[in-house]
Amino acid sequence: MFGEFLNIIVKSIRLDKTLYKDNKNFGDASIYFAIIITLVTAIIGLIPGSIFLKFMSGAFGSGNIQGPSIRSVIITTIIVWLIKTAYLYFVGVVLFPSKTTRCNYRKILVTVAYASAPLILNIFIVDIKLLYFMFIPYIWYNISLIIGINHILKFENYFKSTIIVLGPIIFLFIFFISRLLGSYSSTIS
């Protein structure tokens, strides 16, 4: 059982497509594996978060800023996991399915958790100098999620799954750029 769990993590980190093709990985124990991966990545995410808070408190001289509690991080992670899965289910299965898409909420829930395995690599961010490398596991996670969504929803190409997975990030980026340019142009006139 533990070997199976480690195999799932290694396949996700290696961006192995067979992880999402094998129905054995979505069996009875898959939801428990998904919960464990999600909780582990949430707890490991505290490491770069505490380093970031330490850096910011030192940079702005605001003293010692207390980070969030483990309980609040775990609860927030589970809520975000459920919301992200609901979004992917609604957009990928209800709004824009392919002709062969036959997927349930549970399978997408497990896929999102499996795809978050690269976030375990945040454990290596133990110094302020390594803080910028925090984006590498996040980009890796998004690529893993694109691969997973593409295979479980049976899309013909990666463009559709990329737009579905990165849609909220692209929307937020455009929103922040428009707000930045809007506030910049209003200060000039």
N, C-alpha and C. Protein backbone atom coordinates (compact mmCIF):
# COMPACT_ATOMS: atom_id res chain seq x y z
N MET A 1 0.82 -1.19 0.00
CA MET A 1 0.00 0.00 0.00
C MET A 1 0.87 1.26 0.00
N PHE A 2 1.92 1.28 0.84
CA PHE A 2 2.79 2.44 0.89
C PHE A 2 3.59 2.57 -0.41
N GLY A 3 3.97 1.45 -0.99
CA GLY A 3 4.67 1.46 -2.27
C GLY A 3 3.81 2.04 -3.38
N GLU A 4 2.54 1.71 -3.34
CA GLU A 4 1.58 2.25 -4.31
C GLU A 4 1.47 3.77 -4.17
N PHE A 5 1.43 4.22 -2.91
CA PHE A 5 1.35 5.65 -2.62
C PHE A 5 2.59 6.39 -3.12
N LEU A 6 3.76 5.85 -2.85
CA LEU A 6 5.00 6.48 -3.33
C LEU A 6 5.08 6.45 -4.86
N ASN A 7 4.57 5.39 -5.46
CA ASN A 7 4.55 5.29 -6.92
C ASN A 7 3.70 6.41 -7.52
N ILE A 8 2.58 6.73 -6.89
CA ILE A 8 1.71 7.81 -7.36
C ILE A 8 2.44 9.15 -7.27
N ILE A 9 3.13 9.39 -6.17
CA ILE A 9 3.86 10.65 -5.99
C ILE A 9 4.98 10.76 -7.02
N VAL A 10 5.75 9.69 -7.21
CA VAL A 10 6.86 9.72 -8.16
C VAL A 10 6.35 9.92 -9.58
N LYS A 11 5.26 9.24 -9.95
CA LYS A 11 4.71 9.41 -11.30
C LYS A 11 4.20 10.82 -11.52
N SER A 12 3.62 11.42 -10.49
CA SER A 12 3.14 12.79 -10.62
C SER A 12 4.30 13.76 -10.77
N ILE A 13 5.35 13.56 -10.00
CA ILE A 13 6.52 14.44 -10.10
C ILE A 13 7.21 14.26 -11.45
N ARG A 14 7.24 13.05 -11.97
CA ARG A 14 7.86 12.78 -13.27
C ARG A 14 6.97 13.19 -14.44
N LEU A 15 5.77 13.66 -14.17
CA LEU A 15 4.78 14.05 -15.18
C LEU A 15 4.43 12.86 -16.08
N ASP A 16 4.28 11.71 -15.47
CA ASP A 16 4.00 10.47 -16.18
C ASP A 16 2.50 10.39 -16.51
N LYS A 17 2.19 10.28 -17.79
CA LYS A 17 0.79 10.23 -18.25
C LYS A 17 0.08 8.96 -17.80
N THR A 18 0.84 7.89 -17.56
CA THR A 18 0.21 6.62 -17.18
C THR A 18 -0.44 6.69 -15.80
N LEU A 19 -0.06 7.67 -14.99
CA LEU A 19 -0.69 7.83 -13.68
C LEU A 19 -2.19 8.04 -13.82
N TYR A 20 -2.58 8.80 -14.82
CA TYR A 20 -3.99 9.14 -14.99
C TYR A 20 -4.73 8.16 -15.90
N LYS A 21 -4.00 7.32 -16.62
CA LYS A 21 -4.63 6.33 -17.49
C LYS A 21 -4.98 5.06 -16.75
N ASP A 22 -4.24 4.75 -15.69
CA ASP A 22 -4.42 3.50 -14.96
C ASP A 22 -5.58 3.64 -13.98
N ASN A 23 -6.65 2.87 -14.19
CA ASN A 23 -7.82 2.94 -13.32
C ASN A 23 -7.54 2.45 -11.91
N LYS A 24 -6.46 1.69 -11.73
CA LYS A 24 -6.08 1.22 -10.40
C LYS A 24 -5.75 2.40 -9.48
N ASN A 25 -5.24 3.48 -10.06
CA ASN A 25 -4.90 4.67 -9.27
C ASN A 25 -6.13 5.46 -8.84
N PHE A 26 -7.29 5.10 -9.35
CA PHE A 26 -8.53 5.77 -8.98
C PHE A 26 -9.49 4.82 -8.27
N GLY A 27 -8.95 3.80 -7.62
CA GLY A 27 -9.75 2.80 -6.93
C GLY A 27 -10.23 3.28 -5.57
N ASP A 28 -10.52 2.32 -4.70
CA ASP A 28 -11.08 2.64 -3.38
C ASP A 28 -10.13 3.45 -2.51
N ALA A 29 -8.84 3.14 -2.54
CA ALA A 29 -7.88 3.82 -1.68
C ALA A 29 -7.46 5.18 -2.23
N SER A 30 -7.86 5.51 -3.43
CA SER A 30 -7.37 6.73 -4.08
C SER A 30 -7.79 7.99 -3.33
N ILE A 31 -8.97 8.02 -2.77
CA ILE A 31 -9.40 9.23 -2.05
C ILE A 31 -8.56 9.44 -0.80
N TYR A 32 -8.14 8.34 -0.16
CA TYR A 32 -7.28 8.46 1.01
C TYR A 32 -5.88 8.93 0.62
N PHE A 33 -5.37 8.41 -0.49
CA PHE A 33 -4.09 8.89 -1.01
C PHE A 33 -4.19 10.38 -1.35
N ALA A 34 -5.29 10.77 -1.95
CA ALA A 34 -5.48 12.17 -2.33
C ALA A 34 -5.52 13.07 -1.10
N ILE A 35 -6.20 12.64 -0.06
CA ILE A 35 -6.27 13.44 1.17
C ILE A 35 -4.89 13.57 1.80
N ILE A 36 -4.14 12.48 1.83
CA ILE A 36 -2.80 12.51 2.42
C ILE A 36 -1.88 13.44 1.63
N ILE A 37 -1.90 13.34 0.31
CA ILE A 37 -1.06 14.22 -0.52
C ILE A 37 -1.44 15.68 -0.30
N THR A 38 -2.73 15.96 -0.25
CA THR A 38 -3.18 17.34 -0.04
C THR A 38 -2.74 17.87 1.31
N LEU A 39 -2.88 17.07 2.36
CA LEU A 39 -2.48 17.51 3.69
C LEU A 39 -0.97 17.67 3.80
N VAL A 40 -0.22 16.76 3.20
CA VAL A 40 1.25 16.86 3.25
C VAL A 40 1.72 18.12 2.53
N THR A 41 1.16 18.39 1.36
CA THR A 41 1.59 19.59 0.63
C THR A 41 1.18 20.86 1.37
N ALA A 42 0.06 20.82 2.09
CA ALA A 42 -0.35 21.99 2.87
C ALA A 42 0.62 22.25 4.02
N ILE A 43 0.99 21.19 4.70
CA ILE A 43 1.91 21.36 5.84
C ILE A 43 3.30 21.75 5.35
N ILE A 44 3.76 21.16 4.25
CA ILE A 44 5.06 21.53 3.70
C ILE A 44 5.04 22.97 3.20
N GLY A 45 3.89 23.44 2.73
CA GLY A 45 3.76 24.81 2.28
C GLY A 45 3.99 25.83 3.37
N LEU A 46 3.93 25.41 4.63
CA LEU A 46 4.21 26.32 5.74
C LEU A 46 5.68 26.74 5.76
N ILE A 47 6.57 25.90 5.24
CA ILE A 47 8.00 26.20 5.29
C ILE A 47 8.34 27.44 4.47
N PRO A 48 8.03 27.47 3.15
CA PRO A 48 8.34 28.71 2.42
C PRO A 48 7.48 29.89 2.88
N GLY A 49 6.29 29.59 3.38
CA GLY A 49 5.44 30.68 3.89
C GLY A 49 6.05 31.35 5.10
N SER A 50 6.59 30.57 6.02
CA SER A 50 7.21 31.16 7.22
C SER A 50 8.49 31.90 6.85
N ILE A 51 9.24 31.39 5.87
CA ILE A 51 10.44 32.09 5.42
C ILE A 51 10.07 33.42 4.78
N PHE A 52 9.00 33.43 3.99
CA PHE A 52 8.53 34.67 3.37
C PHE A 52 8.10 35.69 4.43
N LEU A 53 7.36 35.24 5.45
CA LEU A 53 6.95 36.16 6.51
C LEU A 53 8.14 36.69 7.28
N LYS A 54 9.12 35.85 7.52
CA LYS A 54 10.33 36.28 8.22
C LYS A 54 11.06 37.34 7.40
N PHE A 55 11.16 37.11 6.10
CA PHE A 55 11.82 38.07 5.21
C PHE A 55 11.06 39.40 5.19
N MET A 56 9.75 39.34 5.04
CA MET A 56 8.96 40.57 4.97
C MET A 56 8.99 41.35 6.28
N SER A 57 8.96 40.65 7.41
CA SER A 57 9.00 41.37 8.69
C SER A 57 10.36 42.03 8.89
N GLY A 58 11.43 41.39 8.40
CA GLY A 58 12.75 42.00 8.50
C GLY A 58 12.92 43.14 7.52
N ALA A 59 12.36 43.02 6.34
CA ALA A 59 12.51 44.04 5.30
C ALA A 59 11.76 45.32 5.65
N PHE A 60 10.61 45.18 6.29
CA PHE A 60 9.81 46.36 6.61
C PHE A 60 9.89 46.74 8.08
N GLY A 61 10.69 46.03 8.85
CA GLY A 61 10.89 46.36 10.26
C GLY A 61 9.62 46.31 11.08
N SER A 62 8.77 45.38 10.78
CA SER A 62 7.49 45.30 11.50
C SER A 62 7.53 44.30 12.66
N GLY A 63 8.71 43.86 13.04
CA GLY A 63 8.79 42.92 14.15
C GLY A 63 8.53 41.50 13.68
N ASN A 64 8.16 40.69 14.61
CA ASN A 64 7.93 39.27 14.31
C ASN A 64 6.47 39.07 13.94
N ILE A 65 6.23 38.76 12.68
CA ILE A 65 4.86 38.53 12.21
C ILE A 65 4.54 37.06 12.42
N GLN A 66 3.44 36.80 13.06
CA GLN A 66 3.01 35.43 13.33
C GLN A 66 2.28 34.88 12.11
N GLY A 67 2.67 33.71 11.66
CA GLY A 67 2.04 33.06 10.52
C GLY A 67 0.73 32.40 10.90
N PRO A 68 0.03 31.86 9.93
CA PRO A 68 -1.25 31.19 10.22
C PRO A 68 -1.02 29.89 10.98
N SER A 69 -2.03 29.46 11.70
CA SER A 69 -1.93 28.21 12.43
C SER A 69 -2.03 27.04 11.46
N ILE A 70 -1.56 25.89 11.90
CA ILE A 70 -1.62 24.69 11.05
C ILE A 70 -3.06 24.34 10.74
N ARG A 71 -3.93 24.52 11.72
CA ARG A 71 -5.35 24.21 11.52
C ARG A 71 -5.95 25.07 10.42
N SER A 72 -5.66 26.37 10.43
CA SER A 72 -6.23 27.25 9.41
C SER A 72 -5.65 26.94 8.03
N VAL A 73 -4.38 26.55 7.97
CA VAL A 73 -3.77 26.19 6.69
C VAL A 73 -4.42 24.93 6.13
N ILE A 74 -4.65 23.94 6.99
CA ILE A 74 -5.26 22.68 6.54
C ILE A 74 -6.70 22.91 6.08
N ILE A 75 -7.46 23.67 6.85
CA ILE A 75 -8.86 23.94 6.48
C ILE A 75 -8.92 24.72 5.17
N THR A 76 -8.07 25.73 5.04
CA THR A 76 -8.04 26.52 3.80
C THR A 76 -7.64 25.67 2.60
N THR A 77 -6.65 24.79 2.80
CA THR A 77 -6.21 23.92 1.71
C THR A 77 -7.33 22.99 1.25
N ILE A 78 -8.06 22.42 2.18
CA ILE A 78 -9.16 21.52 1.82
C ILE A 78 -10.27 22.29 1.10
N ILE A 79 -10.58 23.48 1.56
CA ILE A 79 -11.62 24.29 0.91
C ILE A 79 -11.19 24.67 -0.51
N VAL A 80 -9.94 25.10 -0.67
CA VAL A 80 -9.44 25.46 -2.01
C VAL A 80 -9.42 24.23 -2.92
N TRP A 81 -9.06 23.07 -2.38
CA TRP A 81 -9.05 21.82 -3.15
C TRP A 81 -10.45 21.51 -3.67
N LEU A 82 -11.46 21.65 -2.82
CA LEU A 82 -12.84 21.37 -3.23
C LEU A 82 -13.34 22.40 -4.24
N ILE A 83 -13.00 23.66 -4.04
CA ILE A 83 -13.44 24.71 -4.96
C ILE A 83 -12.78 24.54 -6.33
N LYS A 84 -11.46 24.26 -6.33
CA LYS A 84 -10.76 24.06 -7.60
C LYS A 84 -11.33 22.87 -8.35
N THR A 85 -11.64 21.80 -7.61
CA THR A 85 -12.23 20.62 -8.25
C THR A 85 -13.61 20.94 -8.80
N ALA A 86 -14.41 21.70 -8.06
CA ALA A 86 -15.75 22.07 -8.54
C ALA A 86 -15.63 22.91 -9.81
N TYR A 87 -14.68 23.84 -9.83
CA TYR A 87 -14.45 24.65 -11.02
C TYR A 87 -14.07 23.77 -12.21
N LEU A 88 -13.10 22.87 -12.01
CA LEU A 88 -12.65 22.01 -13.11
C LEU A 88 -13.76 21.08 -13.58
N TYR A 89 -14.58 20.61 -12.66
CA TYR A 89 -15.70 19.74 -13.03
C TYR A 89 -16.72 20.53 -13.85
N PHE A 90 -17.08 21.71 -13.37
CA PHE A 90 -18.09 22.50 -14.06
C PHE A 90 -17.63 22.92 -15.45
N VAL A 91 -16.41 23.45 -15.53
CA VAL A 91 -15.91 23.93 -16.81
C VAL A 91 -15.53 22.78 -17.74
N GLY A 92 -14.88 21.74 -17.20
CA GLY A 92 -14.39 20.66 -18.05
C GLY A 92 -15.42 19.61 -18.41
N VAL A 93 -16.39 19.37 -17.52
CA VAL A 93 -17.37 18.30 -17.78
C VAL A 93 -18.72 18.88 -18.22
N VAL A 94 -19.13 19.97 -17.60
CA VAL A 94 -20.45 20.52 -17.89
C VAL A 94 -20.41 21.50 -19.08
N LEU A 95 -19.49 22.47 -19.05
CA LEU A 95 -19.48 23.50 -20.08
C LEU A 95 -18.78 23.08 -21.37
N PHE A 96 -17.56 22.55 -21.25
CA PHE A 96 -16.76 22.27 -22.44
C PHE A 96 -16.25 20.83 -22.48
N PRO A 97 -17.14 19.86 -22.45
CA PRO A 97 -16.64 18.47 -22.51
C PRO A 97 -16.28 18.09 -23.95
N SER A 98 -15.44 17.07 -24.07
CA SER A 98 -15.21 16.51 -25.39
C SER A 98 -16.29 15.47 -25.64
N LYS A 99 -16.29 14.89 -26.82
CA LYS A 99 -17.33 13.91 -27.14
C LYS A 99 -17.23 12.65 -26.30
N THR A 100 -16.03 12.35 -25.82
CA THR A 100 -15.81 11.11 -25.04
C THR A 100 -15.64 11.37 -23.55
N THR A 101 -15.90 12.57 -23.07
CA THR A 101 -15.73 12.87 -21.65
C THR A 101 -16.80 12.18 -20.82
N ARG A 102 -16.35 11.31 -19.93
CA ARG A 102 -17.22 10.65 -18.96
C ARG A 102 -16.43 10.61 -17.66
N CYS A 103 -16.67 11.60 -16.84
CA CYS A 103 -15.88 11.73 -15.62
C CYS A 103 -16.77 12.20 -14.49
N ASN A 104 -16.49 11.73 -13.29
CA ASN A 104 -17.25 12.18 -12.14
C ASN A 104 -16.41 13.12 -11.27
N TYR A 105 -17.05 13.72 -10.30
CA TYR A 105 -16.41 14.70 -9.42
C TYR A 105 -15.27 14.06 -8.64
N ARG A 106 -15.47 12.85 -8.18
CA ARG A 106 -14.46 12.16 -7.37
C ARG A 106 -13.16 11.96 -8.14
N LYS A 107 -13.25 11.60 -9.40
CA LYS A 107 -12.05 11.37 -10.20
C LYS A 107 -11.28 12.67 -10.41
N ILE A 108 -11.98 13.77 -10.61
CA ILE A 108 -11.30 15.06 -10.74
C ILE A 108 -10.71 15.47 -9.40
N LEU A 109 -11.41 15.19 -8.30
CA LEU A 109 -10.90 15.49 -6.97
C LEU A 109 -9.57 14.77 -6.72
N VAL A 110 -9.52 13.51 -7.07
CA VAL A 110 -8.30 12.72 -6.90
C VAL A 110 -7.21 13.22 -7.85
N THR A 111 -7.56 13.58 -9.06
CA THR A 111 -6.58 14.08 -10.03
C THR A 111 -5.95 15.38 -9.55
N VAL A 112 -6.74 16.28 -9.01
CA VAL A 112 -6.20 17.54 -8.50
C VAL A 112 -5.22 17.27 -7.35
N ALA A 113 -5.55 16.31 -6.50
CA ALA A 113 -4.65 15.98 -5.40
C ALA A 113 -3.37 15.33 -5.90
N TYR A 114 -3.49 14.38 -6.82
CA TYR A 114 -2.30 13.74 -7.38
C TYR A 114 -1.40 14.76 -8.07
N ALA A 115 -2.00 15.69 -8.76
CA ALA A 115 -1.22 16.70 -9.47
C ALA A 115 -0.47 17.63 -8.52
N SER A 116 -0.93 17.72 -7.28
CA SER A 116 -0.26 18.61 -6.32
C SER A 116 0.98 17.98 -5.70
N ALA A 117 1.32 16.77 -6.07
CA ALA A 117 2.51 16.11 -5.53
C ALA A 117 3.81 16.90 -5.77
N PRO A 118 4.00 17.59 -6.90
CA PRO A 118 5.24 18.38 -7.05
C PRO A 118 5.39 19.48 -5.99
N LEU A 119 4.31 19.87 -5.34
CA LEU A 119 4.42 20.89 -4.29
C LEU A 119 5.17 20.37 -3.07
N ILE A 120 5.36 19.06 -3.00
CA ILE A 120 6.17 18.49 -1.92
C ILE A 120 7.60 19.00 -2.01
N LEU A 121 8.04 19.37 -3.19
CA LEU A 121 9.40 19.88 -3.38
C LEU A 121 9.63 21.22 -2.68
N ASN A 122 8.58 21.86 -2.19
CA ASN A 122 8.74 23.09 -1.42
C ASN A 122 9.49 22.84 -0.12
N ILE A 123 9.65 21.60 0.26
CA ILE A 123 10.37 21.28 1.49
C ILE A 123 11.84 21.70 1.40
N PHE A 124 12.36 21.85 0.20
CA PHE A 124 13.76 22.24 0.02
C PHE A 124 13.97 23.75 0.12
N ILE A 125 12.90 24.51 0.26
CA ILE A 125 13.03 25.96 0.37
C ILE A 125 13.15 26.30 1.86
N VAL A 126 14.39 26.27 2.34
CA VAL A 126 14.64 26.45 3.77
C VAL A 126 15.41 27.74 4.06
N ASP A 127 15.74 28.49 3.03
CA ASP A 127 16.51 29.71 3.22
C ASP A 127 15.88 30.82 2.38
N ILE A 128 16.12 32.04 2.79
CA ILE A 128 15.56 33.20 2.09
C ILE A 128 16.08 33.27 0.65
N LYS A 129 17.29 32.80 0.41
CA LYS A 129 17.87 32.85 -0.93
C LYS A 129 17.17 31.89 -1.89
N LEU A 130 16.52 30.88 -1.35
CA LEU A 130 15.83 29.90 -2.17
C LEU A 130 14.35 30.22 -2.38
N LEU A 131 13.90 31.33 -1.81
CA LEU A 131 12.47 31.67 -1.84
C LEU A 131 11.93 31.84 -3.26
N TYR A 132 12.76 32.33 -4.17
CA TYR A 132 12.30 32.53 -5.54
C TYR A 132 12.06 31.21 -6.27
N PHE A 133 12.66 30.14 -5.78
CA PHE A 133 12.45 28.83 -6.38
C PHE A 133 11.09 28.23 -6.00
N MET A 134 10.34 28.94 -5.20
CA MET A 134 9.02 28.48 -4.80
C MET A 134 8.08 28.38 -6.00
N PHE A 135 8.35 29.14 -7.04
CA PHE A 135 7.49 29.13 -8.21
C PHE A 135 7.69 27.89 -9.08
N ILE A 136 8.85 27.26 -8.98
CA ILE A 136 9.13 26.08 -9.80
C ILE A 136 8.17 24.93 -9.48
N PRO A 137 8.00 24.55 -8.19
CA PRO A 137 7.01 23.49 -7.90
C PRO A 137 5.59 23.89 -8.28
N TYR A 138 5.26 25.20 -8.17
CA TYR A 138 3.91 25.63 -8.53
C TYR A 138 3.68 25.50 -10.04
N ILE A 139 4.67 25.87 -10.85
CA ILE A 139 4.55 25.70 -12.30
C ILE A 139 4.49 24.21 -12.63
N TRP A 140 5.30 23.42 -11.94
CA TRP A 140 5.31 21.97 -12.11
C TRP A 140 3.95 21.38 -11.78
N TYR A 141 3.34 21.88 -10.70
CA TYR A 141 2.00 21.44 -10.31
C TYR A 141 0.98 21.74 -11.41
N ASN A 142 1.06 22.94 -11.98
CA ASN A 142 0.12 23.30 -13.04
C ASN A 142 0.30 22.43 -14.27
N ILE A 143 1.54 22.12 -14.62
CA ILE A 143 1.78 21.24 -15.77
C ILE A 143 1.23 19.85 -15.49
N SER A 144 1.45 19.36 -14.27
CA SER A 144 0.92 18.04 -13.89
C SER A 144 -0.61 18.03 -13.92
N LEU A 145 -1.21 19.12 -13.49
CA LEU A 145 -2.68 19.21 -13.51
C LEU A 145 -3.20 19.29 -14.94
N ILE A 146 -2.51 19.98 -15.81
CA ILE A 146 -2.91 20.05 -17.22
C ILE A 146 -2.86 18.65 -17.84
N ILE A 147 -1.79 17.92 -17.57
CA ILE A 147 -1.67 16.55 -18.09
C ILE A 147 -2.80 15.67 -17.55
N GLY A 148 -3.05 15.77 -16.24
CA GLY A 148 -4.10 14.95 -15.63
C GLY A 148 -5.48 15.26 -16.15
N ILE A 149 -5.82 16.53 -16.23
CA ILE A 149 -7.15 16.93 -16.73
C ILE A 149 -7.30 16.53 -18.20
N ASN A 150 -6.24 16.66 -18.98
CA ASN A 150 -6.29 16.28 -20.38
C ASN A 150 -6.61 14.79 -20.53
N HIS A 151 -6.03 13.97 -19.67
CA HIS A 151 -6.24 12.52 -19.81
C HIS A 151 -7.55 12.04 -19.21
N ILE A 152 -7.95 12.57 -18.06
CA ILE A 152 -9.20 12.05 -17.48
C ILE A 152 -10.43 12.60 -18.18
N LEU A 153 -10.33 13.79 -18.78
CA LEU A 153 -11.46 14.33 -19.52
C LEU A 153 -11.40 13.98 -21.00
N LYS A 154 -10.35 13.27 -21.40
CA LYS A 154 -10.18 12.74 -22.76
C LYS A 154 -10.24 13.83 -23.83
N PHE A 155 -9.50 14.91 -23.59
CA PHE A 155 -9.39 15.96 -24.60
C PHE A 155 -8.39 15.52 -25.68
N GLU A 156 -8.58 16.00 -26.91
CA GLU A 156 -7.72 15.60 -28.01
C GLU A 156 -6.35 16.28 -27.95
N ASN A 157 -6.30 17.52 -27.44
CA ASN A 157 -5.03 18.22 -27.35
C ASN A 157 -4.91 18.92 -25.99
N TYR A 158 -3.73 19.44 -25.74
CA TYR A 158 -3.48 20.07 -24.46
C TYR A 158 -3.96 21.52 -24.39
N PHE A 159 -4.33 22.11 -25.51
CA PHE A 159 -4.75 23.51 -25.49
C PHE A 159 -5.99 23.71 -24.62
N LYS A 160 -6.97 22.86 -24.80
CA LYS A 160 -8.23 22.99 -24.05
C LYS A 160 -7.99 22.80 -22.55
N SER A 161 -7.21 21.79 -22.19
CA SER A 161 -6.96 21.57 -20.77
C SER A 161 -6.10 22.67 -20.18
N THR A 162 -5.19 23.24 -20.97
CA THR A 162 -4.37 24.35 -20.50
C THR A 162 -5.23 25.57 -20.22
N ILE A 163 -6.14 25.88 -21.12
CA ILE A 163 -7.03 27.03 -20.92
C ILE A 163 -7.95 26.80 -19.72
N ILE A 164 -8.44 25.59 -19.55
CA ILE A 164 -9.33 25.30 -18.42
C ILE A 164 -8.58 25.40 -17.10
N VAL A 165 -7.38 24.83 -17.03
CA VAL A 165 -6.61 24.84 -15.78
C VAL A 165 -6.07 26.23 -15.47
N LEU A 166 -5.52 26.90 -16.46
CA LEU A 166 -4.89 28.20 -16.22
C LEU A 166 -5.84 29.38 -16.39
N GLY A 167 -7.10 29.11 -16.72
CA GLY A 167 -8.06 30.19 -16.91
C GLY A 167 -8.16 31.17 -15.75
N PRO A 168 -8.33 30.70 -14.52
CA PRO A 168 -8.40 31.64 -13.39
C PRO A 168 -7.11 32.43 -13.19
N ILE A 169 -5.96 31.80 -13.41
CA ILE A 169 -4.68 32.50 -13.25
C ILE A 169 -4.53 33.56 -14.33
N ILE A 170 -4.88 33.22 -15.56
CA ILE A 170 -4.81 34.18 -16.66
C ILE A 170 -5.76 35.35 -16.41
N PHE A 171 -6.96 35.04 -15.94
CA PHE A 171 -7.94 36.09 -15.65
C PHE A 171 -7.43 37.02 -14.55
N LEU A 172 -6.87 36.47 -13.48
CA LEU A 172 -6.34 37.31 -12.39
C LEU A 172 -5.15 38.14 -12.86
N PHE A 173 -4.30 37.56 -13.70
CA PHE A 173 -3.16 38.31 -14.23
C PHE A 173 -3.63 39.49 -15.07
N ILE A 174 -4.58 39.27 -15.94
CA ILE A 174 -5.12 40.36 -16.77
C ILE A 174 -5.80 41.41 -15.90
N PHE A 175 -6.53 40.96 -14.87
CA PHE A 175 -7.19 41.89 -13.96
C PHE A 175 -6.18 42.78 -13.24
N PHE A 176 -5.11 42.17 -12.71
CA PHE A 176 -4.11 42.96 -11.99
C PHE A 176 -3.36 43.90 -12.91
N ILE A 177 -3.07 43.46 -14.12
CA ILE A 177 -2.40 44.34 -15.08
C ILE A 177 -3.31 45.51 -15.45
N SER A 178 -4.60 45.23 -15.67
CA SER A 178 -5.52 46.32 -16.01
C SER A 178 -5.68 47.29 -14.85
N ARG A 179 -5.70 46.77 -13.62
CA ARG A 179 -5.81 47.65 -12.45
C ARG A 179 -4.53 48.48 -12.29
N LEU A 180 -3.40 47.84 -12.54
CA LEU A 180 -2.12 48.54 -12.44
C LEU A 180 -2.02 49.63 -13.49
N LEU A 181 -2.38 49.32 -14.73
CA LEU A 181 -2.33 50.31 -15.80
C LEU A 181 -3.42 51.36 -15.60
N GLY A 182 -4.56 50.94 -15.07
CA GLY A 182 -5.63 51.90 -14.82
C GLY A 182 -5.27 52.88 -13.72
N SER A 183 -4.64 52.42 -12.67
CA SER A 183 -4.24 53.32 -11.60
C SER A 183 -3.04 54.17 -12.02
N TYR A 184 -2.19 53.61 -12.86
CA TYR A 184 -1.04 54.36 -13.35
C TYR A 184 -1.49 55.48 -14.28
N SER A 185 -2.43 55.19 -15.16
CA SER A 185 -2.89 56.22 -16.10
C SER A 185 -3.71 57.28 -15.39
N SER A 186 -4.38 56.91 -14.31
CA SER A 186 -5.18 57.92 -13.60
C SER A 186 -4.31 58.85 -12.79
N THR A 187 -3.11 58.40 -12.39
CA THR A 187 -2.23 59.29 -11.65
C THR A 187 -1.50 60.26 -12.56
N ILE A 188 -1.39 59.91 -13.85
CA ILE A 188 -0.72 60.78 -14.79
C ILE A 188 -1.63 61.94 -15.17
N SER A 189 -2.91 61.70 -15.36
CA SER A 189 -3.80 62.75 -15.83
C SER A 189 -4.33 63.61 -14.74
